[in-house]
Amino acid sequence: MDKLNAAVEKYPDLMGRPVEELLMNLPNLKVEEADRTAIRNHGGGHYNHSQFWKYLDPSNKKDELLTKELILTFGSVEEFKKQFTDSAAKVFGSGWAWLARDNKTSKLVIQNLPNQDSPLITGLQPIFCLDVWEHAYYLKYQNKRPDYITAWWNVLKLI
């Protein structure tokens, strides 16, 4: 957050704005390009990790409305999991797999993004994510990302 704060403090009109707002408006922010990059990387990293941990809370309960939407969109929860797992396994290098909502169509979409990018930057509303940076799983799974993804489904309680 220090580097995000350092980038934002140069622009008084951006001070105190939520990170979600900064990311949603990133292309239109009147900032130097180096600061836009810092907001994207450090703001995105903070936001993404906050979302990742939020949905791994063991007190979370199954979201029946989300489950119904997944069935409508993907045919079944199992088909959604298959597509999400496949997508997450194919992220090249470091990045994130997301379930998000397209704000224009209200449809659910699976999106992969590199580095610390967030669906907020692309006009999508994030629902939940999976961190597929190697640092997220290397100590336990080494280079076996598919094993990590399989184990992650056992922790996510929303669906």
Protein backbone atom coordinates (compact mmCIF):
# COMPACT_ATOMS: atom_id res chain seq x y z
CA MET A 1 0.00 0.00 0.00
CA ASP A 2 2.93 2.36 0.56
CA LYS A 3 3.71 2.54 -3.16
CA LEU A 4 0.04 3.00 -4.03
CA ASN A 5 -0.24 5.78 -1.46
CA ALA A 6 2.94 7.40 -2.78
CA ALA A 7 1.53 7.45 -6.31
CA VAL A 8 -1.87 8.80 -5.25
CA GLU A 9 -0.64 11.47 -2.82
CA LYS A 10 0.63 13.55 -5.76
CA TYR A 11 -2.99 14.09 -6.82
CA PRO A 12 -5.13 15.69 -4.08
CA ASP A 13 -8.38 14.84 -5.90
CA LEU A 14 -7.47 11.12 -5.71
CA MET A 15 -6.57 11.07 -2.02
CA GLY A 16 -8.99 9.03 0.05
CA ARG A 17 -10.74 7.45 -2.92
CA PRO A 18 -11.42 3.71 -2.58
CA VAL A 19 -9.03 1.49 -4.52
CA GLU A 20 -12.01 0.06 -6.45
CA GLU A 21 -12.82 3.52 -7.76
CA LEU A 22 -9.21 4.14 -8.78
CA LEU A 23 -9.08 0.85 -10.68
CA MET A 24 -12.46 1.35 -12.39
CA ASN A 25 -11.38 4.78 -13.60
CA LEU A 26 -7.74 3.93 -14.26
CA PRO A 27 -7.75 4.70 -18.03
CA ASN A 28 -9.29 8.13 -17.39
CA LEU A 29 -7.22 9.23 -14.39
CA LYS A 30 -5.22 12.36 -15.12
CA VAL A 31 -1.94 11.07 -13.73
CA GLU A 32 1.58 10.47 -15.00
CA GLU A 33 2.02 7.10 -16.69
CA ALA A 34 4.40 5.87 -13.98
CA ASP A 35 1.76 6.64 -11.37
CA ARG A 36 -0.95 4.91 -13.44
CA THR A 37 1.30 1.83 -13.48
CA ALA A 38 1.81 2.05 -9.71
CA ILE A 39 -1.95 2.36 -9.15
CA ARG A 40 -2.58 -0.60 -11.45
CA ASN A 41 0.08 -2.82 -9.86
CA HIS A 42 -0.11 -1.89 -6.19
CA GLY A 43 -3.79 -0.99 -6.07
CA GLY A 44 -4.64 -4.08 -8.11
CA GLY A 45 -2.47 -6.27 -5.92
CA HIS A 46 -4.12 -4.98 -2.77
CA TYR A 47 -7.63 -5.33 -4.20
CA ASN A 48 -7.05 -8.78 -5.69
CA HIS A 49 -5.56 -10.23 -2.53
CA SER A 50 -8.34 -8.70 -0.43
CA GLN A 51 -10.90 -10.43 -2.64
CA PHE A 52 -8.98 -13.72 -2.64
CA TRP A 53 -8.85 -13.94 1.16
CA LYS A 54 -12.39 -12.66 1.64
CA TYR A 55 -13.85 -15.67 -0.14
CA LEU A 56 -11.66 -18.19 1.65
CA ASP A 57 -13.15 -17.28 5.01
CA PRO A 58 -14.33 -20.56 6.60
CA SER A 59 -17.45 -18.81 7.94
CA ASN A 60 -18.70 -18.18 4.39
CA LYS A 61 -21.90 -19.95 3.46
CA LYS A 62 -23.13 -21.28 0.14
CA ASP A 63 -24.59 -18.52 -2.03
CA GLU A 64 -27.78 -19.99 -3.48
CA LEU A 65 -28.38 -17.08 -5.88
CA LEU A 66 -24.88 -17.39 -7.28
CA THR A 67 -25.32 -21.14 -7.64
CA LYS A 68 -28.52 -20.57 -9.65
CA GLU A 69 -26.76 -18.05 -11.89
CA LEU A 70 -23.87 -20.44 -12.49
CA ILE A 71 -26.33 -23.14 -13.56
CA LEU A 72 -28.13 -20.72 -15.90
CA THR A 73 -24.87 -19.52 -17.42
CA PHE A 74 -22.77 -22.69 -17.56
CA GLY A 75 -25.38 -25.46 -17.45
CA SER A 76 -24.26 -26.81 -14.07
CA VAL A 77 -21.96 -25.98 -11.19
CA GLU A 78 -19.74 -28.88 -12.27
CA GLU A 79 -19.41 -27.42 -15.79
CA PHE A 80 -18.56 -24.01 -14.34
CA LYS A 81 -15.89 -25.56 -12.11
CA LYS A 82 -14.48 -27.45 -15.10
CA GLN A 83 -14.26 -24.29 -17.21
CA PHE A 84 -12.88 -22.17 -14.35
CA THR A 85 -10.30 -24.84 -13.47
CA ASP A 86 -9.22 -25.15 -17.10
CA SER A 87 -8.97 -21.39 -17.43
CA ALA A 88 -6.97 -21.00 -14.20
CA ALA A 89 -4.58 -23.78 -15.19
CA LYS A 90 -3.86 -22.02 -18.49
CA VAL A 91 -2.91 -18.63 -17.06
CA PHE A 92 0.53 -17.98 -18.50
CA GLY A 93 3.02 -17.02 -15.84
CA SER A 94 1.60 -15.02 -12.95
CA GLY A 95 -1.95 -13.83 -12.69
CA TRP A 96 -5.50 -14.43 -11.57
CA ALA A 97 -8.57 -16.37 -12.62
CA TRP A 98 -11.84 -14.52 -11.94
CA LEU A 99 -15.53 -15.09 -11.94
CA ALA A 100 -16.99 -11.70 -12.80
CA ARG A 101 -20.14 -10.07 -14.04
CA ASP A 102 -20.22 -8.10 -17.26
CA ASN A 103 -21.77 -4.78 -16.23
CA LYS A 104 -23.24 -4.23 -19.70
CA THR A 105 -24.97 -7.60 -20.08
CA SER A 106 -25.22 -8.76 -16.42
CA LYS A 107 -23.84 -12.14 -17.58
CA LEU A 108 -21.29 -14.13 -15.61
CA VAL A 109 -17.89 -14.54 -17.26
CA ILE A 110 -14.63 -16.28 -16.46
CA GLN A 111 -11.69 -13.97 -16.98
CA ASN A 112 -7.95 -14.49 -16.66
CA LEU A 113 -5.79 -11.48 -16.05
CA PRO A 114 -2.02 -11.15 -15.82
CA ASN A 115 0.00 -9.83 -12.93
CA GLN A 116 -2.10 -7.65 -10.60
CA ASP A 117 -4.76 -6.60 -13.11
CA SER A 118 -8.33 -6.55 -11.88
CA PRO A 119 -11.62 -7.05 -13.74
CA LEU A 120 -12.50 -3.57 -12.49
CA ILE A 121 -10.05 -2.19 -15.05
CA THR A 122 -11.88 -3.98 -17.87
CA GLY A 123 -15.37 -2.89 -16.81
CA LEU A 124 -16.34 -6.15 -15.11
CA GLN A 125 -17.61 -6.57 -11.57
CA PRO A 126 -15.51 -9.17 -9.70
CA ILE A 127 -17.29 -11.96 -7.82
CA PHE A 128 -14.37 -14.13 -6.68
CA CYS A 129 -10.87 -14.98 -7.77
CA LEU A 130 -8.08 -17.50 -7.59
CA ASP A 131 -4.50 -16.35 -7.21
CA VAL A 132 -2.41 -18.42 -9.63
CA TRP A 133 0.87 -16.67 -9.01
CA GLU A 134 3.37 -19.38 -8.20
CA HIS A 135 4.00 -17.81 -4.77
CA ALA A 136 0.43 -18.76 -3.82
CA TYR A 137 1.08 -22.48 -4.06
CA TYR A 138 4.76 -23.29 -4.56
CA LEU A 139 5.64 -24.24 -0.97
CA LYS A 140 2.96 -26.92 -0.82
CA TYR A 141 2.41 -27.86 -4.48
CA GLN A 142 5.72 -26.88 -6.17
CA ASN A 143 4.93 -26.57 -9.89
CA LYS A 144 1.67 -28.54 -9.68
CA ARG A 145 -0.83 -25.75 -10.26
CA PRO A 146 -3.66 -28.19 -11.11
CA ASP A 147 -3.33 -29.82 -7.66
CA TYR A 148 -3.49 -26.39 -6.01
CA ILE A 149 -6.62 -25.47 -7.99
CA THR A 150 -8.30 -28.75 -7.01
CA ALA A 151 -7.51 -28.11 -3.33
CA TRP A 152 -8.79 -24.52 -3.59
CA TRP A 153 -12.26 -25.77 -4.54
CA ASN A 154 -12.38 -27.58 -1.18
CA VAL A 155 -11.91 -24.27 0.64
CA LEU A 156 -14.24 -22.04 -1.40
CA LYS A 157 -17.64 -22.41 0.25
CA LEU A 158 -19.73 -20.10 -1.97
CA ILE A 159 -20.90 -22.73 -4.43
